[in-house]
N, C-alpha and C. Protein backbone atom coordinates (compact mmCIF):
# COMPACT_ATOMS: atom_id res chain seq x y z
N ILE A 1 -7.39 70.04 -6.00
CA ILE A 1 -8.70 69.78 -5.40
C ILE A 1 -8.98 70.85 -4.37
N HIS A 2 -10.15 71.45 -4.45
CA HIS A 2 -10.56 72.47 -3.49
C HIS A 2 -11.53 71.85 -2.49
N PRO A 3 -11.41 72.25 -1.23
CA PRO A 3 -12.35 71.73 -0.22
C PRO A 3 -13.79 72.04 -0.59
N THR A 4 -14.66 71.16 -0.17
CA THR A 4 -16.08 71.34 -0.43
C THR A 4 -16.60 72.52 0.40
N PRO A 5 -17.61 73.20 -0.10
CA PRO A 5 -18.15 74.34 0.65
C PRO A 5 -18.95 73.89 1.87
N LEU A 6 -19.00 74.77 2.82
CA LEU A 6 -19.81 74.58 4.02
C LEU A 6 -21.02 75.49 3.93
N PRO A 7 -22.06 75.19 4.68
CA PRO A 7 -23.15 76.17 4.77
C PRO A 7 -22.62 77.39 5.52
N VAL A 8 -23.13 78.52 5.18
CA VAL A 8 -22.71 79.76 5.85
C VAL A 8 -23.16 79.73 7.30
N PHE A 9 -22.30 80.20 8.20
CA PHE A 9 -22.65 80.31 9.61
C PHE A 9 -22.66 81.78 9.99
N ARG A 10 -23.78 82.25 10.54
CA ARG A 10 -23.96 83.66 10.87
C ARG A 10 -23.87 83.95 12.36
N GLY A 11 -24.02 82.93 13.16
CA GLY A 11 -23.97 83.15 14.60
C GLY A 11 -25.34 83.23 15.23
N ASP A 12 -26.39 83.16 14.42
CA ASP A 12 -27.73 83.21 14.97
C ASP A 12 -28.40 81.84 15.00
N ASP A 13 -27.61 80.80 14.68
CA ASP A 13 -28.13 79.43 14.72
C ASP A 13 -28.21 78.96 16.16
N ASP A 14 -28.91 77.85 16.35
CA ASP A 14 -28.96 77.24 17.67
C ASP A 14 -27.65 76.50 17.94
N ASP A 15 -27.53 75.92 19.12
CA ASP A 15 -26.32 75.19 19.49
C ASP A 15 -25.98 74.10 18.49
N THR A 16 -27.00 73.41 18.00
CA THR A 16 -26.77 72.31 17.08
C THR A 16 -26.21 72.83 15.77
N GLY A 17 -26.71 73.96 15.27
CA GLY A 17 -26.19 74.54 14.03
C GLY A 17 -24.74 74.92 14.17
N CYS A 18 -24.37 75.50 15.29
CA CYS A 18 -22.98 75.87 15.55
C CYS A 18 -22.12 74.62 15.62
N ALA A 19 -22.57 73.64 16.37
CA ALA A 19 -21.80 72.41 16.54
C ALA A 19 -21.63 71.70 15.20
N ASN A 20 -22.66 71.66 14.39
CA ASN A 20 -22.57 71.01 13.08
C ASN A 20 -21.59 71.75 12.17
N PHE A 21 -21.62 73.08 12.21
CA PHE A 21 -20.70 73.87 11.41
C PHE A 21 -19.25 73.57 11.82
N VAL A 22 -18.98 73.61 13.12
CA VAL A 22 -17.63 73.38 13.62
C VAL A 22 -17.17 71.97 13.25
N GLU A 23 -18.01 70.98 13.45
CA GLU A 23 -17.64 69.60 13.13
C GLU A 23 -17.38 69.42 11.64
N SER A 24 -18.26 69.96 10.80
CA SER A 24 -18.09 69.83 9.35
C SER A 24 -16.81 70.51 8.87
N ALA A 25 -16.55 71.68 9.41
CA ALA A 25 -15.33 72.41 9.02
C ALA A 25 -14.08 71.64 9.43
N LYS A 26 -14.07 71.11 10.65
CA LYS A 26 -12.90 70.35 11.11
C LYS A 26 -12.68 69.10 10.26
N ARG A 27 -13.75 68.41 9.95
CA ARG A 27 -13.65 67.19 9.14
C ARG A 27 -13.10 67.53 7.75
N THR A 28 -13.57 68.59 7.15
CA THR A 28 -13.11 68.97 5.82
C THR A 28 -11.65 69.43 5.86
N MET A 29 -11.28 70.19 6.88
CA MET A 29 -9.88 70.63 7.00
C MET A 29 -8.96 69.43 7.12
N ARG A 30 -9.37 68.42 7.90
CA ARG A 30 -8.55 67.20 8.03
C ARG A 30 -8.47 66.44 6.72
N SER A 31 -9.61 66.29 6.05
CA SER A 31 -9.65 65.53 4.81
C SER A 31 -8.77 66.13 3.73
N PHE A 32 -8.70 67.44 3.68
CA PHE A 32 -7.92 68.12 2.65
C PHE A 32 -6.55 68.57 3.14
N ASN A 33 -6.23 68.24 4.40
CA ASN A 33 -4.93 68.62 4.98
C ASN A 33 -4.61 70.10 4.74
N LEU A 34 -5.58 70.95 5.02
CA LEU A 34 -5.38 72.38 4.82
C LEU A 34 -4.39 72.93 5.84
N PRO A 35 -3.34 73.61 5.39
CA PRO A 35 -2.42 74.22 6.34
C PRO A 35 -3.11 75.34 7.11
N GLY A 36 -2.57 75.68 8.27
CA GLY A 36 -3.19 76.62 9.20
C GLY A 36 -3.76 77.89 8.60
N GLU A 37 -2.92 78.69 7.91
CA GLU A 37 -3.39 79.98 7.39
C GLU A 37 -4.40 79.80 6.26
N MET A 38 -4.19 78.79 5.43
CA MET A 38 -5.14 78.52 4.35
C MET A 38 -6.48 78.08 4.93
N ALA A 39 -6.43 77.26 5.97
CA ALA A 39 -7.66 76.81 6.63
C ALA A 39 -8.38 78.00 7.26
N ALA A 40 -7.62 78.93 7.84
CA ALA A 40 -8.23 80.11 8.46
C ALA A 40 -9.00 80.92 7.41
N GLU A 41 -8.37 81.15 6.26
CA GLU A 41 -9.04 81.91 5.20
C GLU A 41 -10.27 81.16 4.69
N TRP A 42 -10.14 79.84 4.56
CA TRP A 42 -11.25 79.03 4.07
C TRP A 42 -12.44 79.11 5.03
N VAL A 43 -12.20 78.92 6.33
CA VAL A 43 -13.29 78.98 7.32
C VAL A 43 -13.91 80.37 7.34
N LEU A 44 -13.07 81.38 7.34
CA LEU A 44 -13.56 82.77 7.39
C LEU A 44 -14.50 83.06 6.21
N GLY A 45 -14.26 82.42 5.08
CA GLY A 45 -15.11 82.61 3.91
C GLY A 45 -16.54 82.13 4.11
N PHE A 46 -16.78 81.31 5.13
CA PHE A 46 -18.12 80.78 5.38
C PHE A 46 -18.79 81.44 6.59
N LEU A 47 -18.16 82.48 7.10
CA LEU A 47 -18.74 83.21 8.24
C LEU A 47 -19.32 84.52 7.75
N GLN A 48 -20.49 84.84 8.29
CA GLN A 48 -21.15 86.11 7.98
C GLN A 48 -21.74 86.66 9.26
N GLY A 49 -22.19 87.89 9.20
CA GLY A 49 -22.90 88.51 10.31
C GLY A 49 -22.12 88.52 11.60
N THR A 50 -22.81 88.20 12.69
CA THR A 50 -22.24 88.24 14.03
C THR A 50 -21.02 87.34 14.15
N ALA A 51 -21.07 86.18 13.54
CA ALA A 51 -19.95 85.23 13.65
C ALA A 51 -18.68 85.82 13.02
N ARG A 52 -18.81 86.40 11.84
CA ARG A 52 -17.64 86.98 11.17
C ARG A 52 -17.11 88.18 11.95
N THR A 53 -18.03 89.01 12.42
CA THR A 53 -17.63 90.18 13.20
C THR A 53 -16.88 89.76 14.46
N GLU A 54 -17.37 88.74 15.14
CA GLU A 54 -16.73 88.25 16.36
C GLU A 54 -15.30 87.78 16.08
N VAL A 55 -15.12 87.01 15.03
CA VAL A 55 -13.78 86.50 14.70
C VAL A 55 -12.85 87.64 14.32
N LEU A 56 -13.32 88.56 13.49
CA LEU A 56 -12.47 89.65 13.03
C LEU A 56 -12.16 90.66 14.13
N SER A 57 -12.96 90.67 15.18
CA SER A 57 -12.70 91.59 16.29
C SER A 57 -11.59 91.07 17.21
N ARG A 58 -11.23 89.82 17.05
CA ARG A 58 -10.16 89.23 17.87
C ARG A 58 -8.80 89.64 17.30
N PRO A 59 -7.77 89.70 18.16
CA PRO A 59 -6.42 90.00 17.65
C PRO A 59 -6.00 88.96 16.62
N ALA A 60 -5.23 89.40 15.62
CA ALA A 60 -4.80 88.51 14.54
C ALA A 60 -4.08 87.28 15.09
N GLY A 61 -3.38 87.39 16.18
CA GLY A 61 -2.65 86.27 16.76
C GLY A 61 -3.55 85.18 17.32
N GLU A 62 -4.82 85.50 17.55
CA GLU A 62 -5.76 84.51 18.08
C GLU A 62 -6.56 83.82 16.98
N ARG A 63 -6.36 84.23 15.73
CA ARG A 63 -7.16 83.67 14.63
C ARG A 63 -6.29 83.33 13.41
N ARG A 64 -5.12 82.78 13.69
CA ARG A 64 -4.17 82.45 12.62
C ARG A 64 -4.52 81.17 11.87
N THR A 65 -5.17 80.23 12.53
CA THR A 65 -5.46 78.94 11.90
C THR A 65 -6.97 78.68 11.89
N GLY A 66 -7.35 77.73 11.07
CA GLY A 66 -8.76 77.34 11.03
C GLY A 66 -9.23 76.82 12.37
N ASP A 67 -8.38 76.03 13.05
CA ASP A 67 -8.76 75.50 14.36
C ASP A 67 -8.97 76.61 15.38
N GLU A 68 -8.13 77.65 15.33
CA GLU A 68 -8.30 78.78 16.26
C GLU A 68 -9.61 79.50 15.99
N ILE A 69 -9.93 79.70 14.74
CA ILE A 69 -11.20 80.36 14.39
C ILE A 69 -12.39 79.51 14.85
N LEU A 70 -12.32 78.21 14.62
CA LEU A 70 -13.42 77.34 15.03
C LEU A 70 -13.56 77.29 16.55
N GLU A 71 -12.46 77.40 17.26
CA GLU A 71 -12.53 77.45 18.73
C GLU A 71 -13.21 78.74 19.18
N ILE A 72 -12.93 79.85 18.52
CA ILE A 72 -13.61 81.11 18.83
C ILE A 72 -15.12 80.95 18.61
N ILE A 73 -15.48 80.37 17.48
CA ILE A 73 -16.90 80.15 17.16
C ILE A 73 -17.55 79.26 18.21
N ARG A 74 -16.87 78.15 18.52
CA ARG A 74 -17.43 77.19 19.48
C ARG A 74 -17.63 77.84 20.84
N GLU A 75 -16.63 78.58 21.32
CA GLU A 75 -16.74 79.22 22.63
C GLU A 75 -17.79 80.33 22.64
N THR A 76 -17.79 81.15 21.62
CA THR A 76 -18.69 82.30 21.58
C THR A 76 -20.15 81.89 21.43
N PHE A 77 -20.39 80.93 20.58
CA PHE A 77 -21.77 80.55 20.27
C PHE A 77 -22.19 79.26 20.98
N LYS A 78 -21.36 78.82 21.91
CA LYS A 78 -21.69 77.71 22.83
C LYS A 78 -22.13 76.44 22.12
N ALA A 79 -21.27 75.94 21.24
CA ALA A 79 -21.58 74.67 20.60
C ALA A 79 -21.52 73.57 21.65
N SER A 80 -22.64 73.01 21.94
CA SER A 80 -22.69 71.92 22.91
C SER A 80 -23.66 70.87 22.40
N TYR A 81 -23.57 69.70 22.97
CA TYR A 81 -24.41 68.61 22.52
C TYR A 81 -25.08 67.95 23.71
N SER A 82 -26.34 67.65 23.56
CA SER A 82 -27.04 66.85 24.57
C SER A 82 -26.65 65.39 24.33
N PRO A 83 -26.93 64.52 25.30
CA PRO A 83 -26.64 63.10 25.08
C PRO A 83 -27.32 62.56 23.82
N LEU A 84 -28.55 62.98 23.58
CA LEU A 84 -29.27 62.52 22.40
C LEU A 84 -28.60 63.03 21.12
N ASP A 85 -28.15 64.30 21.12
CA ASP A 85 -27.44 64.85 19.96
C ASP A 85 -26.17 64.06 19.67
N ARG A 86 -25.46 63.68 20.72
CA ARG A 86 -24.22 62.91 20.53
C ARG A 86 -24.51 61.56 19.89
N MET A 87 -25.58 60.91 20.32
CA MET A 87 -25.94 59.63 19.72
C MET A 87 -26.39 59.81 18.27
N ARG A 88 -27.15 60.85 18.00
CA ARG A 88 -27.58 61.12 16.62
C ARG A 88 -26.39 61.36 15.70
N ARG A 89 -25.43 62.13 16.20
CA ARG A 89 -24.24 62.43 15.40
C ARG A 89 -23.46 61.15 15.10
N PHE A 90 -23.35 60.27 16.09
CA PHE A 90 -22.64 59.01 15.88
C PHE A 90 -23.36 58.18 14.81
N HIS A 91 -24.67 58.01 14.95
CA HIS A 91 -25.41 57.15 14.03
C HIS A 91 -25.58 57.75 12.64
N ALA A 92 -25.49 59.06 12.53
CA ALA A 92 -25.63 59.72 11.23
C ALA A 92 -24.31 59.78 10.46
N ARG A 93 -23.22 59.50 11.12
CA ARG A 93 -21.90 59.67 10.52
C ARG A 93 -21.66 58.68 9.38
N ARG A 94 -21.23 59.20 8.25
CA ARG A 94 -20.88 58.41 7.06
C ARG A 94 -19.51 58.89 6.56
N GLN A 95 -18.81 58.01 5.89
CA GLN A 95 -17.53 58.39 5.30
C GLN A 95 -17.79 59.32 4.12
N SER A 96 -17.10 60.45 4.10
CA SER A 96 -17.27 61.37 2.97
C SER A 96 -16.42 60.86 1.80
N PRO A 97 -16.75 61.26 0.58
CA PRO A 97 -16.03 60.75 -0.59
C PRO A 97 -14.53 61.05 -0.58
N VAL A 98 -14.10 62.11 0.08
CA VAL A 98 -12.68 62.46 0.09
C VAL A 98 -11.97 62.05 1.38
N GLU A 99 -12.68 61.36 2.25
CA GLU A 99 -12.14 61.02 3.57
C GLU A 99 -11.47 59.65 3.55
N SER A 100 -10.29 59.57 4.13
CA SER A 100 -9.60 58.29 4.21
C SER A 100 -10.28 57.40 5.25
N ILE A 101 -10.01 56.12 5.17
CA ILE A 101 -10.56 55.18 6.16
C ILE A 101 -10.05 55.54 7.55
N LEU A 102 -8.78 55.91 7.64
CA LEU A 102 -8.21 56.26 8.93
C LEU A 102 -8.89 57.49 9.53
N ASP A 103 -9.11 58.52 8.72
CA ASP A 103 -9.79 59.72 9.23
C ASP A 103 -11.23 59.40 9.64
N TYR A 104 -11.89 58.58 8.84
CA TYR A 104 -13.26 58.18 9.16
C TYR A 104 -13.30 57.43 10.49
N THR A 105 -12.38 56.49 10.70
CA THR A 105 -12.38 55.74 11.96
C THR A 105 -12.05 56.63 13.15
N HIS A 106 -11.16 57.59 12.95
CA HIS A 106 -10.85 58.51 14.05
C HIS A 106 -12.07 59.33 14.43
N SER A 107 -12.81 59.78 13.43
CA SER A 107 -14.03 60.55 13.70
C SER A 107 -15.07 59.69 14.42
N LEU A 108 -15.25 58.46 13.97
CA LEU A 108 -16.22 57.57 14.62
C LEU A 108 -15.84 57.28 16.07
N THR A 109 -14.56 56.99 16.31
CA THR A 109 -14.15 56.69 17.68
C THR A 109 -14.30 57.92 18.57
N SER A 110 -14.05 59.10 18.02
CA SER A 110 -14.25 60.32 18.79
C SER A 110 -15.72 60.51 19.14
N LEU A 111 -16.60 60.31 18.18
CA LEU A 111 -18.04 60.44 18.44
C LEU A 111 -18.52 59.41 19.45
N SER A 112 -18.02 58.18 19.36
CA SER A 112 -18.44 57.15 20.32
C SER A 112 -17.91 57.48 21.72
N ALA A 113 -16.69 58.01 21.80
CA ALA A 113 -16.13 58.38 23.10
C ALA A 113 -16.94 59.52 23.73
N GLN A 114 -17.38 60.47 22.91
CA GLN A 114 -18.21 61.57 23.43
C GLN A 114 -19.52 61.04 23.98
N ALA A 115 -20.14 60.13 23.27
CA ALA A 115 -21.41 59.54 23.74
C ALA A 115 -21.18 58.72 25.00
N ASN A 116 -20.10 57.95 25.04
CA ASN A 116 -19.81 57.09 26.19
C ASN A 116 -19.37 57.90 27.42
N ALA A 117 -18.87 59.11 27.20
CA ALA A 117 -18.46 59.96 28.33
C ALA A 117 -19.68 60.41 29.14
N ILE A 118 -20.80 60.57 28.47
CA ILE A 118 -22.02 61.00 29.14
C ILE A 118 -22.78 59.81 29.71
N GLN A 119 -22.82 58.74 28.95
CA GLN A 119 -23.53 57.53 29.38
C GLN A 119 -22.66 56.33 29.04
N PRO A 120 -22.06 55.71 30.05
CA PRO A 120 -21.18 54.57 29.78
C PRO A 120 -21.87 53.49 28.95
N ASP A 121 -21.14 52.97 28.01
CA ASP A 121 -21.63 51.94 27.08
C ASP A 121 -22.81 52.40 26.22
N ALA A 122 -22.92 53.69 25.99
CA ALA A 122 -23.94 54.18 25.06
C ALA A 122 -23.66 53.62 23.67
N VAL A 123 -22.38 53.51 23.34
CA VAL A 123 -21.97 52.91 22.07
C VAL A 123 -21.05 51.73 22.42
N PRO A 124 -21.60 50.52 22.51
CA PRO A 124 -20.75 49.36 22.80
C PRO A 124 -19.80 49.06 21.64
N ALA A 125 -18.78 48.25 21.90
CA ALA A 125 -17.75 47.95 20.90
C ALA A 125 -18.35 47.38 19.61
N TRP A 126 -19.34 46.51 19.74
CA TRP A 126 -19.92 45.92 18.55
C TRP A 126 -20.66 46.96 17.70
N ALA A 127 -21.26 47.97 18.36
CA ALA A 127 -21.99 49.02 17.63
C ALA A 127 -21.01 49.90 16.86
N LEU A 128 -19.85 50.19 17.46
CA LEU A 128 -18.82 50.96 16.77
C LEU A 128 -18.35 50.19 15.54
N ARG A 129 -18.10 48.92 15.70
CA ARG A 129 -17.65 48.07 14.59
C ARG A 129 -18.68 48.06 13.47
N ASP A 130 -19.94 47.82 13.82
CA ASP A 130 -21.00 47.74 12.81
C ASP A 130 -21.26 49.07 12.13
N LYS A 131 -21.18 50.16 12.89
CA LYS A 131 -21.38 51.49 12.32
C LYS A 131 -20.26 51.82 11.33
N PHE A 132 -19.06 51.41 11.67
CA PHE A 132 -17.93 51.61 10.77
C PHE A 132 -18.24 50.98 9.41
N VAL A 133 -18.67 49.74 9.41
CA VAL A 133 -18.97 49.04 8.16
C VAL A 133 -20.13 49.73 7.44
N ASP A 134 -21.21 50.01 8.15
CA ASP A 134 -22.39 50.60 7.52
C ASP A 134 -22.14 51.99 6.93
N GLY A 135 -21.21 52.72 7.51
CA GLY A 135 -20.97 54.09 7.06
C GLY A 135 -19.92 54.23 5.98
N LEU A 136 -19.30 53.13 5.56
CA LEU A 136 -18.27 53.21 4.53
C LEU A 136 -18.86 53.66 3.20
N GLY A 137 -18.07 54.39 2.43
CA GLY A 137 -18.53 54.90 1.15
C GLY A 137 -18.52 53.85 0.04
N SER A 138 -17.59 52.91 0.10
CA SER A 138 -17.45 51.90 -0.94
C SER A 138 -18.39 50.72 -0.67
N SER A 139 -19.31 50.47 -1.59
CA SER A 139 -20.24 49.36 -1.40
C SER A 139 -19.53 48.01 -1.50
N THR A 140 -18.47 47.94 -2.30
CA THR A 140 -17.71 46.70 -2.44
C THR A 140 -16.99 46.38 -1.13
N LEU A 141 -16.33 47.37 -0.57
CA LEU A 141 -15.63 47.17 0.71
C LEU A 141 -16.63 46.85 1.82
N LYS A 142 -17.74 47.54 1.80
CA LYS A 142 -18.79 47.30 2.81
C LYS A 142 -19.27 45.85 2.76
N ALA A 143 -19.52 45.34 1.56
CA ALA A 143 -19.97 43.95 1.40
C ALA A 143 -18.90 42.97 1.89
N HIS A 144 -17.65 43.25 1.55
CA HIS A 144 -16.55 42.38 1.99
C HIS A 144 -16.46 42.35 3.51
N LEU A 145 -16.53 43.51 4.14
CA LEU A 145 -16.42 43.56 5.60
C LEU A 145 -17.63 42.95 6.29
N ARG A 146 -18.79 43.06 5.69
CA ARG A 146 -19.98 42.39 6.26
C ARG A 146 -19.79 40.88 6.26
N ASP A 147 -19.19 40.36 5.19
CA ASP A 147 -18.88 38.93 5.13
C ASP A 147 -17.88 38.54 6.22
N VAL A 148 -16.88 39.38 6.44
CA VAL A 148 -15.89 39.12 7.48
C VAL A 148 -16.58 39.07 8.85
N VAL A 149 -17.48 40.00 9.11
CA VAL A 149 -18.19 40.04 10.39
C VAL A 149 -19.11 38.83 10.53
N ARG A 150 -19.76 38.43 9.44
CA ARG A 150 -20.63 37.24 9.50
C ARG A 150 -19.83 35.98 9.86
N ARG A 151 -18.61 35.88 9.32
CA ARG A 151 -17.76 34.72 9.61
C ARG A 151 -17.20 34.76 11.02
N ASP A 152 -16.98 35.96 11.55
CA ASP A 152 -16.38 36.10 12.88
C ASP A 152 -17.06 37.24 13.64
N ARG A 153 -18.12 36.92 14.37
CA ARG A 153 -18.88 37.93 15.11
C ARG A 153 -18.06 38.58 16.23
N GLU A 154 -16.95 37.98 16.61
CA GLU A 154 -16.12 38.51 17.69
C GLU A 154 -15.01 39.43 17.18
N ILE A 155 -14.93 39.64 15.88
CA ILE A 155 -13.87 40.49 15.34
C ILE A 155 -13.98 41.89 15.91
N THR A 156 -12.86 42.48 16.25
CA THR A 156 -12.86 43.81 16.87
C THR A 156 -12.91 44.91 15.82
N PHE A 157 -13.26 46.07 16.28
CA PHE A 157 -13.30 47.25 15.42
C PHE A 157 -11.93 47.49 14.79
N LEU A 158 -10.87 47.43 15.59
CA LEU A 158 -9.53 47.71 15.07
C LEU A 158 -9.09 46.66 14.05
N SER A 159 -9.43 45.40 14.29
CA SER A 159 -9.09 44.34 13.33
C SER A 159 -9.84 44.56 12.02
N LEU A 160 -11.07 44.98 12.12
CA LEU A 160 -11.87 45.24 10.92
C LEU A 160 -11.34 46.46 10.17
N ARG A 161 -10.95 47.46 10.91
CA ARG A 161 -10.35 48.65 10.28
C ARG A 161 -9.08 48.26 9.53
N ASP A 162 -8.24 47.44 10.16
CA ASP A 162 -7.00 47.00 9.50
C ASP A 162 -7.31 46.21 8.24
N GLU A 163 -8.34 45.38 8.28
CA GLU A 163 -8.75 44.62 7.10
C GLU A 163 -9.20 45.59 5.99
N ALA A 164 -9.94 46.60 6.35
CA ALA A 164 -10.40 47.58 5.38
C ALA A 164 -9.22 48.32 4.74
N ARG A 165 -8.23 48.66 5.55
CA ARG A 165 -7.06 49.36 5.02
C ARG A 165 -6.24 48.46 4.10
N ARG A 166 -6.15 47.17 4.44
CA ARG A 166 -5.43 46.22 3.57
C ARG A 166 -6.17 46.04 2.24
N TRP A 167 -7.47 46.09 2.28
CA TRP A 167 -8.29 45.80 1.13
C TRP A 167 -8.33 46.96 0.14
N THR A 168 -8.02 48.16 0.61
CA THR A 168 -8.08 49.32 -0.30
C THR A 168 -6.73 49.68 -0.87
């Protein structure tokens, strides 16, 4: 299985374009468990123009892994998010077809923590739980978990995640 392609990043995008590129690349590298050097080559294949030149101008020791290359991109092109962008990213997040439930939940909790760091309780516990269910790729699992939540409105995100992992 080969990782899915990313849109090309040239370095002339706005902050949101850079941030989306970095986030998508990290998610795909995690989903496919790409080893460091292979991930570096894969990410480099989606860089053109100023972005590619910037990465290649760095010493080889600073760009050995995909994460190192993405950090160069993030720092150089100032990938940052406004509070509204963080909330949009959280609410737009869906499980990708190749993503495990565990990876999906880690991504969701990270996005909710980023939103809550700027504005406390921007994503309350119940919203994280409900978003987890709504963003699942499997409609059968989604329906099952919605039934679980209907029966027990107090069920926690972690308990629901464990139920999802048992069910798959």
